[in-house]
Amino acid sequence: MTARVTPGPVLVVDDNVELRDSVCDLLESVGYGVLRAHDAPSALEVLRTTRVAAVVLDVRMPGGGGLAVLEALEDPPPVILMTAFALDAEQNDAVDPKIFFHLVKPFHPRRLLEALSSAIGAPEETGRRPRR
């Protein structure tokens, strides 16, 4: 699969502050720009006002969760879905066409970086440089 190079930051959406911050720190450390959201409504607000390269999205959150975000998006950027819970068949069928990759928590940071690089390219390919 050819990496899609799209300008813009990566939106990280998770209600768990520690996990959200660690994912953002990881992405910034290798050179991705990031935006943060803590729930579905704040994620949708960012997506209405900002062009993002990809979304790293938790499934279970206040305000409708990640599935509500996916349902609201007609043509989403690449979405990397994070969940500690298996989706039922109906949920999986509903979101499958809209997700690029599915990560099961806990996941190794390298898996996230590989999925993101495959979705939008490495930071060097998007014109960004790692933080020193």
C-alpha atoms as a PDB file:
ATOM      1  CA  MET A   1       0.000   0.000   0.000  1.00  0.00           C
ATOM      2  CA  THR A   2       1.333   3.443  -0.886  1.00  0.00           C
ATOM      3  CA  ALA A   3       1.531   5.935   1.964  1.00  0.00           C
ATOM      4  CA  ARG A   4      -0.796   8.892   1.604  1.00  0.00           C
ATOM      5  CA  VAL A   5       1.046  12.119   2.344  1.00  0.00           C
ATOM      6  CA  THR A   6      -1.390  14.683   3.661  1.00  0.00           C
ATOM      7  CA  PRO A   7      -0.498  17.972   5.303  1.00  0.00           C
ATOM      8  CA  GLY A   8      -1.771  18.662   8.775  1.00  0.00           C
ATOM      9  CA  PRO A   9      -1.437  17.422  12.302  1.00  0.00           C
ATOM     10  CA  VAL A  10      -2.618  14.147  13.787  1.00  0.00           C
ATOM     11  CA  LEU A  11      -5.668  14.443  16.044  1.00  0.00           C
ATOM     12  CA  VAL A  12      -5.397  12.244  19.157  1.00  0.00           C
ATOM     13  CA  VAL A  13      -8.727  11.638  20.874  1.00  0.00           C
ATOM     14  CA  ASP A  14      -8.906   9.865  24.230  1.00  0.00           C
ATOM     15  CA  ASP A  15     -10.563  10.688  27.548  1.00  0.00           C
ATOM     16  CA  ASN A  16      -7.679   9.068  29.449  1.00  0.00           C
ATOM     17  CA  VAL A  17      -5.335  12.009  29.984  1.00  0.00           C
ATOM     18  CA  GLU A  18      -2.253   9.880  30.625  1.00  0.00           C
ATOM     19  CA  LEU A  19      -2.721   7.775  27.510  1.00  0.00           C
ATOM     20  CA  ARG A  20      -3.588  10.792  25.345  1.00  0.00           C
ATOM     21  CA  ASP A  21      -0.525  12.669  26.570  1.00  0.00           C
ATOM     22  CA  SER A  22       1.797   9.690  26.090  1.00  0.00           C
ATOM     23  CA  VAL A  23       0.526   9.133  22.530  1.00  0.00           C
ATOM     24  CA  CYS A  24       0.936  12.838  21.753  1.00  0.00           C
ATOM     25  CA  ASP A  25       4.433  12.898  23.262  1.00  0.00           C
ATOM     26  CA  LEU A  26       5.398   9.848  21.202  1.00  0.00           C
ATOM     27  CA  LEU A  27       4.100  11.361  17.959  1.00  0.00           C
ATOM     28  CA  GLU A  28       5.727  14.720  18.629  1.00  0.00           C
ATOM     29  CA  SER A  29       9.031  13.060  19.511  1.00  0.00           C
ATOM     30  CA  VAL A  30       9.288  11.578  16.020  1.00  0.00           C
ATOM     31  CA  GLY A  31       8.149  14.756  14.281  1.00  0.00           C
ATOM     32  CA  TYR A  32       4.380  14.631  13.835  1.00  0.00           C
ATOM     33  CA  GLY A  33       2.313  17.668  14.698  1.00  0.00           C
ATOM     34  CA  VAL A  34      -0.544  16.842  17.046  1.00  0.00           C
ATOM     35  CA  LEU A  35      -3.863  18.158  18.241  1.00  0.00           C
ATOM     36  CA  ARG A  36      -5.689  16.793  21.287  1.00  0.00           C
ATOM     37  CA  ALA A  37      -9.323  16.155  22.105  1.00  0.00           C
ATOM     38  CA  HIS A  38     -10.815  14.549  25.191  1.00  0.00           C
ATOM     39  CA  ASP A  39     -14.218  13.387  23.951  1.00  0.00           C
ATOM     40  CA  ALA A  40     -16.404  12.994  20.874  1.00  0.00           C
ATOM     41  CA  PRO A  41     -17.849  16.554  20.830  1.00  0.00           C
ATOM     42  CA  SER A  42     -14.416  18.173  21.127  1.00  0.00           C
ATOM     43  CA  ALA A  43     -13.040  15.849  18.423  1.00  0.00           C
ATOM     44  CA  LEU A  44     -15.881  16.758  16.071  1.00  0.00           C
ATOM     45  CA  GLU A  45     -15.270  20.456  16.714  1.00  0.00           C
ATOM     46  CA  VAL A  46     -11.591  20.080  15.781  1.00  0.00           C
ATOM     47  CA  LEU A  47     -12.520  18.094  12.677  1.00  0.00           C
ATOM     48  CA  ARG A  48     -15.027  20.780  11.619  1.00  0.00           C
ATOM     49  CA  THR A  49     -12.452  23.553  11.882  1.00  0.00           C
ATOM     50  CA  THR A  50      -9.094  21.958  11.082  1.00  0.00           C
ATOM     51  CA  ARG A  51      -7.749  19.752   8.329  1.00  0.00           C
ATOM     52  CA  VAL A  52      -5.953  16.857   9.974  1.00  0.00           C
ATOM     53  CA  ALA A  53      -3.765  14.212   8.395  1.00  0.00           C
ATOM     54  CA  ALA A  54      -5.091  11.372  10.553  1.00  0.00           C
ATOM     55  CA  VAL A  55      -7.063  10.627  13.695  1.00  0.00           C
ATOM     56  CA  VAL A  56      -5.987   8.339  16.532  1.00  0.00           C
ATOM     57  CA  LEU A  57      -9.350   7.623  18.139  1.00  0.00           C
ATOM     58  CA  ASP A  58     -10.456   5.854  21.309  1.00  0.00           C
ATOM     59  CA  VAL A  59     -13.724   3.929  21.089  1.00  0.00           C
ATOM     60  CA  ARG A  60     -15.170   4.409  24.578  1.00  0.00           C
ATOM     61  CA  MET A  61     -15.372   8.007  25.757  1.00  0.00           C
ATOM     62  CA  PRO A  62     -17.929  10.415  27.180  1.00  0.00           C
ATOM     63  CA  GLY A  63     -20.223  12.206  24.764  1.00  0.00           C
ATOM     64  CA  GLY A  64     -20.838   9.355  22.344  1.00  0.00           C
ATOM     65  CA  GLY A  65     -17.350   7.953  22.004  1.00  0.00           C
ATOM     66  CA  GLY A  66     -15.286   7.189  18.958  1.00  0.00           C
ATOM     67  CA  LEU A  67     -18.105   5.401  17.149  1.00  0.00           C
ATOM     68  CA  ALA A  68     -20.154   8.617  17.245  1.00  0.00           C
ATOM     69  CA  VAL A  69     -17.214  10.480  15.720  1.00  0.00           C
ATOM     70  CA  LEU A  70     -16.921   7.924  12.922  1.00  0.00           C
ATOM     71  CA  GLU A  71     -20.655   8.003  12.232  1.00  0.00           C
ATOM     72  CA  ALA A  72     -20.559  11.796  11.906  1.00  0.00           C
ATOM     73  CA  LEU A  73     -17.749  11.775   9.333  1.00  0.00           C
ATOM     74  CA  GLU A  74     -18.620  11.185   5.702  1.00  0.00           C
ATOM     75  CA  ASP A  75     -15.083  11.236   4.323  1.00  0.00           C
ATOM     76  CA  PRO A  76     -12.702  10.925   7.278  1.00  0.00           C
ATOM     77  CA  PRO A  77      -8.931  11.133   7.115  1.00  0.00           C
ATOM     78  CA  PRO A  78      -7.187   7.855   7.988  1.00  0.00           C
ATOM     79  CA  VAL A  79      -8.464   6.698  11.386  1.00  0.00           C
ATOM     80  CA  ILE A  80      -6.467   4.518  13.741  1.00  0.00           C
ATOM     81  CA  LEU A  81      -8.974   3.127  16.199  1.00  0.00           C
ATOM     82  CA  MET A  82      -7.817   2.306  19.740  1.00  0.00           C
ATOM     83  CA  THR A  83      -9.871   0.108  22.003  1.00  0.00           C
ATOM     84  CA  ALA A  84      -9.485  -2.160  24.995  1.00  0.00           C
ATOM     85  CA  PHE A  85     -12.800  -3.804  24.124  1.00  0.00           C
ATOM     86  CA  ALA A  86     -13.802  -5.896  21.150  1.00  0.00           C
ATOM     87  CA  LEU A  87     -16.445  -4.399  18.901  1.00  0.00           C
ATOM     88  CA  ASP A  88     -19.553  -6.437  18.299  1.00  0.00           C
ATOM     89  CA  ALA A  89     -20.245  -7.524  14.699  1.00  0.00           C
ATOM     90  CA  GLU A  90     -22.715  -4.701  14.041  1.00  0.00           C
ATOM     91  CA  GLN A  91     -20.323  -2.030  15.350  1.00  0.00           C
ATOM     92  CA  ASN A  92     -17.443  -3.520  13.390  1.00  0.00           C
ATOM     93  CA  ASP A  93     -19.467  -3.551  10.148  1.00  0.00           C
ATOM     94  CA  ALA A  94     -20.476   0.076  10.704  1.00  0.00           C
ATOM     95  CA  VAL A  95     -16.950   1.402  11.252  1.00  0.00           C
ATOM     96  CA  ASP A  96     -14.829  -0.983   9.181  1.00  0.00           C
ATOM     97  CA  PRO A  97     -14.934   1.085   5.967  1.00  0.00           C
ATOM     98  CA  LYS A  98     -13.903   4.196   7.900  1.00  0.00           C
ATOM     99  CA  ILE A  99     -10.934   2.851   9.830  1.00  0.00           C
ATOM    100  CA  PHE A 100      -7.425   2.449   8.531  1.00  0.00           C
ATOM    101  CA  PHE A 101      -6.071   0.364  11.396  1.00  0.00           C
ATOM    102  CA  HIS A 102      -7.377  -1.092  14.664  1.00  0.00           C
ATOM    103  CA  LEU A 103      -5.097  -1.141  17.732  1.00  0.00           C
ATOM    104  CA  VAL A 104      -6.046  -3.132  20.810  1.00  0.00           C
ATOM    105  CA  LYS A 105      -4.940  -1.590  24.120  1.00  0.00           C
ATOM    106  CA  PRO A 106      -2.396  -2.004  25.490  1.00  0.00           C
ATOM    107  CA  PHE A 107      -0.330  -1.728  22.323  1.00  0.00           C
ATOM    108  CA  HIS A 108       3.363  -1.281  21.670  1.00  0.00           C
ATOM    109  CA  PRO A 109       4.212   2.297  20.610  1.00  0.00           C
ATOM    110  CA  ARG A 110       5.983   0.931  17.526  1.00  0.00           C
ATOM    111  CA  ARG A 111       2.657  -0.513  16.277  1.00  0.00           C
ATOM    112  CA  LEU A 112       1.078   2.931  16.409  1.00  0.00           C
ATOM    113  CA  LEU A 113       4.013   4.546  14.611  1.00  0.00           C
ATOM    114  CA  GLU A 114       3.970   1.839  11.924  1.00  0.00           C
ATOM    115  CA  ALA A 115       0.228   2.266  11.382  1.00  0.00           C
ATOM    116  CA  LEU A 116       0.506   6.050  11.209  1.00  0.00           C
ATOM    117  CA  SER A 117       3.479   5.939   8.863  1.00  0.00           C
ATOM    118  CA  SER A 118       1.583   3.547   6.619  1.00  0.00           C
ATOM    119  CA  ALA A 119      -1.482   5.807   6.666  1.00  0.00           C
ATOM    120  CA  ILE A 120       0.112   9.214   6.051  1.00  0.00           C
ATOM    121  CA  GLY A 121       3.849   8.723   5.701  1.00  0.00           C
ATOM    122  CA  ALA A 122       6.706   9.271   8.083  1.00  0.00           C
ATOM    123  CA  PRO A 123       7.200  12.776   9.484  1.00  0.00           C
ATOM    124  CA  GLU A 124      10.095  13.339   7.057  1.00  0.00           C
ATOM    125  CA  GLU A 125       7.714  12.599   4.171  1.00  0.00           C
ATOM    126  CA  THR A 126       5.210  15.136   5.476  1.00  0.00           C
ATOM    127  CA  GLY A 127       7.879  17.830   5.756  1.00  0.00           C
ATOM    128  CA  ARG A 128       8.246  17.599   9.529  1.00  0.00           C
ATOM    129  CA  ARG A 129      11.384  16.895  11.515  1.00  0.00           C
ATOM    130  CA  PRO A 130      11.756  15.012  14.788  1.00  0.00           C
ATOM    131  CA  ARG A 131      11.879  17.056  17.962  1.00  0.00           C
ATOM    132  CA  ARG A 132      15.381  17.260  19.431  1.00  0.00           C
END
